[in-house]
């Protein structure tokens, strides 16, 4: 009976992929917003900073590693995109 109830819930991996996917989607939105506004790289860097701090805080509160790894991805991809912005 317990097995039937657990089949309706999404698995831990599925939840983690949702967390990562939403955070990467927000990262793309930040990029597009900063690309087509006057603020440019400064706006992008501030949004990335707030996003990373929020992910770290959420990881600590929820005690969920998916939030922490998502934070690392956002930081890595966001930093590399900022460096690419500077080269343009």
PDB file of N, CA and C in Angstrom:
ATOM      1  N   UNK A   1       0.828  -1.187   0.000  1.00  0.00           N
ATOM      2  CA  UNK A   1       0.000   0.000   0.000  1.00  0.00           C
ATOM      3  C   UNK A   1       0.872   1.250   0.000  1.00  0.00           C
ATOM      4  N   UNK A   2       1.919   1.244   0.797  1.00  0.00           N
ATOM      5  CA  UNK A   2       2.808   2.403   0.845  1.00  0.00           C
ATOM      6  C   UNK A   2       3.479   2.619  -0.503  1.00  0.00           C
ATOM      7  N   UNK A   3       3.773   1.539  -1.189  1.00  0.00           N
ATOM      8  CA  UNK A   3       4.421   1.641  -2.492  1.00  0.00           C
ATOM      9  C   UNK A   3       3.524   2.352  -3.496  1.00  0.00           C
ATOM     10  N   UNK A   4       2.218   2.120  -3.429  1.00  0.00           N
ATOM     11  CA  UNK A   4       1.289   2.768  -4.336  1.00  0.00           C
ATOM     12  C   UNK A   4       1.210   4.269  -4.066  1.00  0.00           C
ATOM     13  N   UNK A   5       1.261   4.673  -2.820  1.00  0.00           N
ATOM     14  CA  UNK A   5       1.209   6.097  -2.491  1.00  0.00           C
ATOM     15  C   UNK A   5       2.461   6.814  -2.964  1.00  0.00           C
ATOM     16  N   UNK A   6       3.610   6.186  -2.874  1.00  0.00           N
ATOM     17  CA  UNK A   6       4.863   6.819  -3.278  1.00  0.00           C
ATOM     18  C   UNK A   6       4.995   6.950  -4.784  1.00  0.00           C
ATOM     19  N   UNK A   7       4.275   6.146  -5.564  1.00  0.00           N
ATOM     20  CA  UNK A   7       4.354   6.240  -7.018  1.00  0.00           C
ATOM     21  C   UNK A   7       3.736   7.530  -7.544  1.00  0.00           C
ATOM     22  N   UNK A   8       2.815   8.116  -6.803  1.00  0.00           N
ATOM     23  CA  UNK A   8       2.183   9.360  -7.230  1.00  0.00           C
ATOM     24  C   UNK A   8       3.063  10.577  -6.981  1.00  0.00           C
ATOM     25  N   UNK A   9       4.017  10.485  -6.087  1.00  0.00           N
ATOM     26  CA  UNK A   9       4.896  11.607  -5.774  1.00  0.00           C
ATOM     27  C   UNK A   9       6.080  11.620  -6.736  1.00  0.00           C
ATOM     28  N   UNK A  10       6.534  12.809  -7.130  1.00  0.00           N
ATOM     29  CA  UNK A  10       7.724  12.854  -7.977  1.00  0.00           C
ATOM     30  C   UNK A  10       8.956  12.384  -7.206  1.00  0.00           C
ATOM     31  N   UNK A  11       9.882  11.792  -7.924  1.00  0.00           N
ATOM     32  CA  UNK A  11      11.078  11.277  -7.261  1.00  0.00           C
ATOM     33  C   UNK A  11      12.001  12.425  -6.859  1.00  0.00           C
ATOM     34  N   UNK A  12      12.978  12.105  -6.046  1.00  0.00           N
ATOM     35  CA  UNK A  12      13.946  13.105  -5.572  1.00  0.00           C
ATOM     36  C   UNK A  12      14.732  13.692  -6.742  1.00  0.00           C
ATOM     37  N   UNK A  13      15.080  12.851  -7.710  1.00  0.00           N
ATOM     38  CA  UNK A  13      15.821  13.317  -8.884  1.00  0.00           C
ATOM     39  C   UNK A  13      14.974  14.268  -9.717  1.00  0.00           C
ATOM     40  N   UNK A  14      13.702  13.969  -9.856  1.00  0.00           N
ATOM     41  CA  UNK A  14      12.812  14.833 -10.624  1.00  0.00           C
ATOM     42  C   UNK A  14      12.681  16.201  -9.956  1.00  0.00           C
ATOM     43  N   UNK A  15      12.551  16.225  -8.645  1.00  0.00           N
ATOM     44  CA  UNK A  15      12.481  17.504  -7.930  1.00  0.00           C
ATOM     45  C   UNK A  15      13.764  18.300  -8.100  1.00  0.00           C
ATOM     46  N   UNK A  16      14.896  17.621  -8.021  1.00  0.00           N
ATOM     47  CA  UNK A  16      16.184  18.307  -8.173  1.00  0.00           C
ATOM     48  C   UNK A  16      16.323  18.893  -9.572  1.00  0.00           C
ATOM     49  N   UNK A  17      15.887  18.159 -10.576  1.00  0.00           N
ATOM     50  CA  UNK A  17      15.962  18.666 -11.951  1.00  0.00           C
ATOM     51  C   UNK A  17      15.036  19.860 -12.149  1.00  0.00           C
ATOM     52  N   UNK A  18      13.896  19.875 -11.481  1.00  0.00           N
ATOM     53  CA  UNK A  18      13.006  21.034 -11.544  1.00  0.00           C
ATOM     54  C   UNK A  18      13.678  22.258 -10.928  1.00  0.00           C
ATOM     55  N   UNK A  19      14.332  22.066  -9.807  1.00  0.00           N
ATOM     56  CA  UNK A  19      15.023  23.175  -9.138  1.00  0.00           C
ATOM     57  C   UNK A  19      16.115  23.735 -10.039  1.00  0.00           C
ATOM     58  N   UNK A  20      16.927  22.862 -10.599  1.00  0.00           N
ATOM     59  CA  UNK A  20      18.011  23.302 -11.481  1.00  0.00           C
ATOM     60  C   UNK A  20      17.449  23.964 -12.733  1.00  0.00           C
ATOM     61  N   UNK A  21      16.412  23.375 -13.316  1.00  0.00           N
ATOM     62  CA  UNK A  21      15.821  23.924 -14.530  1.00  0.00           C
ATOM     63  C   UNK A  21      15.233  25.311 -14.326  1.00  0.00           C
ATOM     64  N   UNK A  22      14.537  25.499 -13.218  1.00  0.00           N
ATOM     65  CA  UNK A  22      13.953  26.814 -12.936  1.00  0.00           C
ATOM     66  C   UNK A  22      15.055  27.845 -12.718  1.00  0.00           C
ATOM     67  N   UNK A  23      16.098  27.475 -11.995  1.00  0.00           N
ATOM     68  CA  UNK A  23      17.189  28.417 -11.756  1.00  0.00           C
ATOM     69  C   UNK A  23      17.930  28.762 -13.037  1.00  0.00           C
ATOM     70  N   UNK A  24      18.138  27.807 -13.917  1.00  0.00           N
ATOM     71  CA  UNK A  24      18.781  28.110 -15.193  1.00  0.00           C
ATOM     72  C   UNK A  24      17.871  28.935 -16.095  1.00  0.00           C
ATOM     73  N   UNK A  25      16.568  28.701 -16.018  1.00  0.00           N
ATOM     74  CA  UNK A  25      15.623  29.536 -16.763  1.00  0.00           C
ATOM     75  C   UNK A  25      15.649  30.984 -16.294  1.00  0.00           C
ATOM     76  N   UNK A  26      15.745  31.171 -14.985  1.00  0.00           N
ATOM     77  CA  UNK A  26      15.868  32.532 -14.455  1.00  0.00           C
ATOM     78  C   UNK A  26      17.169  33.181 -14.910  1.00  0.00           C
ATOM     79  N   UNK A  27      18.218  32.397 -14.998  1.00  0.00           N
ATOM     80  CA  UNK A  27      19.508  32.916 -15.459  1.00  0.00           C
ATOM     81  C   UNK A  27      19.406  33.408 -16.902  1.00  0.00           C
ATOM     82  N   UNK A  28      18.705  32.670 -17.735  1.00  0.00           N
ATOM     83  CA  UNK A  28      18.489  33.095 -19.128  1.00  0.00           C
ATOM     84  C   UNK A  28      17.659  34.377 -19.160  1.00  0.00           C
ATOM     85  N   UNK A  29      16.655  34.464 -18.298  1.00  0.00           N
ATOM     86  CA  UNK A  29      15.827  35.677 -18.244  1.00  0.00           C
ATOM     87  C   UNK A  29      16.667  36.885 -17.821  1.00  0.00           C
ATOM     88  N   UNK A  30      17.545  36.695 -16.834  1.00  0.00           N
ATOM     89  CA  UNK A  30      18.435  37.782 -16.412  1.00  0.00           C
ATOM     90  C   UNK A  30      19.326  38.227 -17.565  1.00  0.00           C
ATOM     91  N   UNK A  31      19.843  37.259 -18.301  1.00  0.00           N
ATOM     92  CA  UNK A  31      20.725  37.580 -19.421  1.00  0.00           C
ATOM     93  C   UNK A  31      19.991  38.406 -20.467  1.00  0.00           C
ATOM     94  N   UNK A  32      18.791  37.966 -20.835  1.00  0.00           N
ATOM     95  CA  UNK A  32      18.033  38.701 -21.849  1.00  0.00           C
ATOM     96  C   UNK A  32      17.642  40.087 -21.360  1.00  0.00           C
ATOM     97  N   UNK A  33      17.265  40.186 -20.090  1.00  0.00           N
ATOM     98  CA  UNK A  33      16.905  41.480 -19.525  1.00  0.00           C
ATOM     99  C   UNK A  33      18.101  42.434 -19.531  1.00  0.00           C
ATOM    100  N   UNK A  34      19.245  41.949 -19.127  1.00  0.00           N
ATOM    101  CA  UNK A  34      20.424  42.815 -19.067  1.00  0.00           C
ATOM    102  C   UNK A  34      20.992  43.109 -20.449  1.00  0.00           C
ATOM    103  N   UNK A  35      20.770  42.223 -21.385  1.00  0.00           N
ATOM    104  CA  UNK A  35      21.290  42.419 -22.741  1.00  0.00           C
ATOM    105  C   UNK A  35      20.571  43.552 -23.460  1.00  0.00           C
ATOM    106  N   UNK A  36      19.282  43.710 -23.175  1.00  0.00           N
ATOM    107  CA  UNK A  36      18.487  44.688 -23.906  1.00  0.00           C
ATOM    108  C   UNK A  36      18.116  45.918 -23.078  1.00  0.00           C
ATOM    109  N   UNK A  37      18.814  46.149 -21.963  1.00  0.00           N
ATOM    110  CA  UNK A  37      18.594  47.357 -21.176  1.00  0.00           C
ATOM    111  C   UNK A  37      19.903  48.130 -21.072  1.00  0.00           C
ATOM    112  N   UNK A  38      19.809  49.350 -20.542  1.00  0.00           N
ATOM    113  CA  UNK A  38      20.985  50.203 -20.428  1.00  0.00           C
ATOM    114  C   UNK A  38      21.935  49.756 -19.321  1.00  0.00           C
ATOM    115  N   UNK A  39      21.430  49.103 -18.288  1.00  0.00           N
ATOM    116  CA  UNK A  39      22.251  48.688 -17.153  1.00  0.00           C
ATOM    117  C   UNK A  39      23.333  47.685 -17.535  1.00  0.00           C
ATOM    118  N   UNK A  40      23.013  46.790 -18.447  1.00  0.00           N
ATOM    119  CA  UNK A  40      23.962  45.833 -18.967  1.00  0.00           C
ATOM    120  C   UNK A  40      24.579  44.931 -17.926  1.00  0.00           C
ATOM    121  N   UNK A  41      25.902  44.946 -17.889  1.00  0.00           N
ATOM    122  CA  UNK A  41      26.640  44.007 -17.054  1.00  0.00           C
ATOM    123  C   UNK A  41      26.431  44.261 -15.563  1.00  0.00           C
ATOM    124  N   UNK A  42      26.247  45.507 -15.167  1.00  0.00           N
ATOM    125  CA  UNK A  42      26.035  45.806 -13.755  1.00  0.00           C
ATOM    126  C   UNK A  42      24.710  45.213 -13.269  1.00  0.00           C
ATOM    127  N   UNK A  43      23.669  45.367 -14.054  1.00  0.00           N
ATOM    128  CA  UNK A  43      22.382  44.775 -13.721  1.00  0.00           C
ATOM    129  C   UNK A  43      22.495  43.255 -13.644  1.00  0.00           C
ATOM    130  N   UNK A  44      23.167  42.655 -14.612  1.00  0.00           N
ATOM    131  CA  UNK A  44      23.338  41.201 -14.651  1.00  0.00           C
ATOM    132  C   UNK A  44      24.102  40.703 -13.429  1.00  0.00           C
ATOM    133  N   UNK A  45      25.177  41.389 -13.087  1.00  0.00           N
ATOM    134  CA  UNK A  45      25.987  40.978 -11.930  1.00  0.00           C
ATOM    135  C   UNK A  45      25.191  41.084 -10.631  1.00  0.00           C
ATOM    136  N   UNK A  46      24.405  42.146 -10.487  1.00  0.00           N
ATOM    137  CA  UNK A  46      23.602  42.299  -9.269  1.00  0.00           C
ATOM    138  C   UNK A  46      22.520  41.217  -9.180  1.00  0.00           C
ATOM    139  N   UNK A  47      21.879  40.913 -10.294  1.00  0.00           N
ATOM    140  CA  UNK A  47      20.853  39.874 -10.296  1.00  0.00           C
ATOM    141  C   UNK A  47      21.456  38.504  -9.978  1.00  0.00           C
ATOM    142  N   UNK A  48      22.629  38.229 -10.524  1.00  0.00           N
ATOM    143  CA  UNK A  48      23.311  36.960 -10.238  1.00  0.00           C
ATOM    144  C   UNK A  48      23.663  36.885  -8.752  1.00  0.00           C
ATOM    145  N   UNK A  49      24.165  37.971  -8.192  1.00  0.00           N
ATOM    146  CA  UNK A  49      24.532  37.982  -6.777  1.00  0.00           C
ATOM    147  C   UNK A  49      23.317  37.697  -5.890  1.00  0.00           C
ATOM    148  N   UNK A  50      22.202  38.376  -6.164  1.00  0.00           N
ATOM    149  CA  UNK A  50      20.990  38.167  -5.375  1.00  0.00           C
ATOM    150  C   UNK A  50      20.489  36.735  -5.542  1.00  0.00           C
ATOM    151  N   UNK A  51      20.563  36.214  -6.744  1.00  0.00           N
ATOM    152  CA  UNK A  51      20.119  34.848  -7.014  1.00  0.00           C
ATOM    153  C   UNK A  51      20.974  33.830  -6.260  1.00  0.00           C
ATOM    154  N   UNK A  52      22.284  34.003  -6.276  1.00  0.00           N
ATOM    155  CA  UNK A  52      23.185  33.078  -5.589  1.00  0.00           C
ATOM    156  C   UNK A  52      22.952  33.125  -4.078  1.00  0.00           C
ATOM    157  N   UNK A  53      22.820  34.311  -3.523  1.00  0.00           N
ATOM    158  CA  UNK A  53      22.575  34.432  -2.084  1.00  0.00           C
ATOM    159  C   UNK A  53      21.244  33.786  -1.717  1.00  0.00           C
ATOM    160  N   UNK A  54      20.224  33.985  -2.538  1.00  0.00           N
ATOM    161  CA  UNK A  54      18.923  33.367  -2.290  1.00  0.00           C
ATOM    162  C   UNK A  54      19.008  31.845  -2.345  1.00  0.00           C
ATOM    163  N   UNK A  55      19.746  31.316  -3.314  1.00  0.00           N
ATOM    164  CA  UNK A  55      19.898  29.858  -3.422  1.00  0.00           C
ATOM    165  C   UNK A  55      20.655  29.284  -2.224  1.00  0.00           C
ATOM    166  N   UNK A  56      21.686  29.980  -1.771  1.00  0.00           N
ATOM    167  CA  UNK A  56      22.442  29.502  -0.602  1.00  0.00           C
ATOM    168  C   UNK A  56      21.540  29.513   0.631  1.00  0.00           C
ATOM    169  N   UNK A  57      20.799  30.588   0.813  1.00  0.00           N
ATOM    170  CA  UNK A  57      19.891  30.678   1.954  1.00  0.00           C
ATOM    171  C   UNK A  57      18.835  29.565   1.903  1.00  0.00           C
ATOM    172  N   UNK A  58      18.275  29.339   0.720  1.00  0.00           N
ATOM    173  CA  UNK A  58      17.273  28.287   0.570  1.00  0.00           C
ATOM    174  C   UNK A  58      17.875  26.909   0.822  1.00  0.00           C
ATOM    175  N   UNK A  59      19.101  26.689   0.364  1.00  0.00           N
ATOM    176  CA  UNK A  59      19.774  25.403   0.601  1.00  0.00           C
ATOM    177  C   UNK A  59      19.985  25.164   2.090  1.00  0.00           C
ATOM    178  N   UNK A  60      20.334  26.213   2.812  1.00  0.00           N
ATOM    179  CA  UNK A  60      20.539  26.061   4.249  1.00  0.00           C
ATOM    180  C   UNK A  60      19.231  25.830   4.996  1.00  0.00           C
ATOM    181  N   UNK A  61      18.194  26.545   4.614  1.00  0.00           N
ATOM    182  CA  UNK A  61      16.909  26.420   5.305  1.00  0.00           C
ATOM    183  C   UNK A  61      16.261  25.071   5.006  1.00  0.00           C
ATOM    184  N   UNK A  62      16.238  24.686   3.736  1.00  0.00           N
ATOM    185  CA  UNK A  62      15.580  23.435   3.353  1.00  0.00           C
ATOM    186  C   UNK A  62      16.482  22.213   3.507  1.00  0.00           C
ATOM    187  N   UNK A  63      17.761  22.449   3.725  1.00  0.00           N
ATOM    188  CA  UNK A  63      18.747  21.359   3.838  1.00  0.00           C
ATOM    189  C   UNK A  63      18.662  20.425   2.643  1.00  0.00           C
ATOM    190  N   UNK A  64      18.725  21.040   1.471  1.00  0.00           N
ATOM    191  CA  UNK A  64      18.583  20.312   0.223  1.00  0.00           C
ATOM    192  C   UNK A  64      19.798  20.615  -0.659  1.00  0.00           C
ATOM    193  N   UNK A  65      20.526  19.567  -1.025  1.00  0.00           N
ATOM    194  CA  UNK A  65      21.733  19.751  -1.823  1.00  0.00           C
ATOM    195  C   UNK A  65      21.434  20.246  -3.229  1.00  0.00           C
ATOM    196  N   UNK A  66      20.251  20.002  -3.742  1.00  0.00           N
ATOM    197  CA  UNK A  66      19.911  20.451  -5.097  1.00  0.00           C
ATOM    198  C   UNK A  66      19.984  21.969  -5.195  1.00  0.00           C
ATOM    199  N   UNK A  67      19.566  22.658  -4.147  1.00  0.00           N
ATOM    200  CA  UNK A  67      19.645  24.123  -4.152  1.00  0.00           C
ATOM    201  C   UNK A  67      21.098  24.590  -4.156  1.00  0.00           C
ATOM    202  N   UNK A  68      21.935  23.903  -3.410  1.00  0.00           N
ATOM    203  CA  UNK A  68      23.344  24.293  -3.356  1.00  0.00           C
ATOM    204  C   UNK A  68      24.033  24.062  -4.701  1.00  0.00           C
ATOM    205  N   UNK A  69      23.802  22.900  -5.309  1.00  0.00           N
ATOM    206  CA  UNK A  69      24.418  22.628  -6.608  1.00  0.00           C
ATOM    207  C   UNK A  69      23.860  23.541  -7.690  1.00  0.00           C
ATOM    208  N   UNK A  70      22.588  23.882  -7.584  1.00  0.00           N
ATOM    209  CA  UNK A  70      22.000  24.838  -8.507  1.00  0.00           C
ATOM    210  C   UNK A  70      22.658  26.212  -8.350  1.00  0.00           C
ATOM    211  N   UNK A  71      22.962  26.567  -7.102  1.00  0.00           N
ATOM    212  CA  UNK A  71      23.664  27.818  -6.822  1.00  0.00           C
ATOM    213  C   UNK A  71      25.037  27.826  -7.484  1.00  0.00           C
ATOM    214  N   UNK A  72      25.739  26.703  -7.391  1.00  0.00           N
ATOM    215  CA  UNK A  72      27.057  26.619  -8.023  1.00  0.00           C
ATOM    216  C   UNK A  72      26.967  26.751  -9.541  1.00  0.00           C
ATOM    217  N   UNK A  73      25.948  26.130 -10.139  1.00  0.00           N
ATOM    218  CA  UNK A  73      25.757  26.264 -11.582  1.00  0.00           C
ATOM    219  C   UNK A  73      25.458  27.706 -11.978  1.00  0.00           C
ATOM    220  N   UNK A  74      24.575  28.352 -11.238  1.00  0.00           N
ATOM    221  CA  UNK A  74      24.236  29.749 -11.526  1.00  0.00           C
ATOM    222  C   UNK A  74      25.476  30.628 -11.384  1.00  0.00           C
ATOM    223  N   UNK A  75      26.264  30.388 -10.356  1.00  0.00           N
ATOM    224  CA  UNK A  75      27.474  31.175 -10.147  1.00  0.00           C
ATOM    225  C   UNK A  75      28.480  30.956 -11.266  1.00  0.00           C
ATOM    226  N   UNK A  76      28.703  29.717 -11.641  1.00  0.00           N
ATOM    227  CA  UNK A  76      29.674  29.399 -12.689  1.00  0.00           C
ATOM    228  C   UNK A  76      29.238  29.944 -14.044  1.00  0.00           C
ATOM    229  N   UNK A  77      28.005  29.687 -14.425  1.00  0.00           N
ATOM    230  CA  UNK A  77      27.517  30.157 -15.718  1.00  0.00           C
ATOM    231  C   UNK A  77      27.367  31.677 -15.721  1.00  0.00           C
ATOM    232  N   UNK A  78      26.883  32.236 -14.632  1.00  0.00           N
ATOM    233  CA  UNK A  78      26.730  33.690 -14.558  1.00  0.00           C
ATOM    234  C   UNK A  78      28.056  34.423 -14.605  1.00  0.00           C
ATOM    235  N   UNK A  79      29.059  33.906 -13.898  1.00  0.00           N
ATOM    236  CA  UNK A  79      30.379  34.547 -13.913  1.00  0.00           C
ATOM    237  C   UNK A  79      31.002  34.470 -15.306  1.00  0.00           C
ATOM    238  N   UNK A  80      30.890  33.320 -15.945  1.00  0.00           N
ATOM    239  CA  UNK A  80      31.476  33.191 -17.274  1.00  0.00           C
ATOM    240  C   UNK A  80      30.756  34.076 -18.295  1.00  0.00           C
ATOM    241  N   UNK A  81      29.459  34.256 -18.115  1.00  0.00           N
ATOM    242  CA  UNK A  81      28.722  35.152 -19.002  1.00  0.00           C
ATOM    243  C   UNK A  81      29.113  36.602 -18.756  1.00  0.00           C
ATOM    244  N   UNK A  82      29.349  36.974 -17.494  1.00  0.00           N
ATOM    245  CA  UNK A  82      29.811  38.326 -17.193  1.00  0.00           C
ATOM    246  C   UNK A  82      31.179  38.584 -17.829  1.00  0.00           C
ATOM    247  N   UNK A  83      32.055  37.624 -17.762  1.00  0.00           N
ATOM    248  CA  UNK A  83      33.384  37.773 -18.377  1.00  0.00           C
ATOM    249  C   UNK A  83      33.225  37.930 -19.887  1.00  0.00           C
ATOM    250  N   UNK A  84      32.309  37.186 -20.464  1.00  0.00           N
ATOM    251  CA  UNK A  84      32.062  37.300 -21.903  1.00  0.00           C
ATOM    252  C   UNK A  84      31.481  38.673 -22.238  1.00  0.00           C
ATOM    253  N   UNK A  85      30.633  39.226 -21.359  1.00  0.00           N
ATOM    254  CA  UNK A  85      30.099  40.571 -21.542  1.00  0.00           C
ATOM    255  C   UNK A  85      31.250  41.586 -21.604  1.00  0.00           C
ATOM    256  N   UNK A  86      32.238  41.427 -20.745  1.00  0.00           N
ATOM    257  CA  UNK A  86      33.349  42.374 -20.700  1.00  0.00           C
ATOM    258  C   UNK A  86      34.201  42.316 -21.949  1.00  0.00           C
ATOM    259  N   UNK A  87      34.280  41.173 -22.582  1.00  0.00           N
ATOM    260  CA  UNK A  87      35.088  41.032 -23.798  1.00  0.00           C
ATOM    261  C   UNK A  87      34.432  41.660 -25.005  1.00  0.00           C
ATOM    262  N   UNK A  88      33.108  41.867 -24.952  1.00  0.00           N
ATOM    263  CA  UNK A  88      32.377  42.413 -26.110  1.00  0.00           C
ATOM    264  C   UNK A  88      32.670  43.879 -26.299  1.00  0.00           C
TER     265      UNK A  88
END
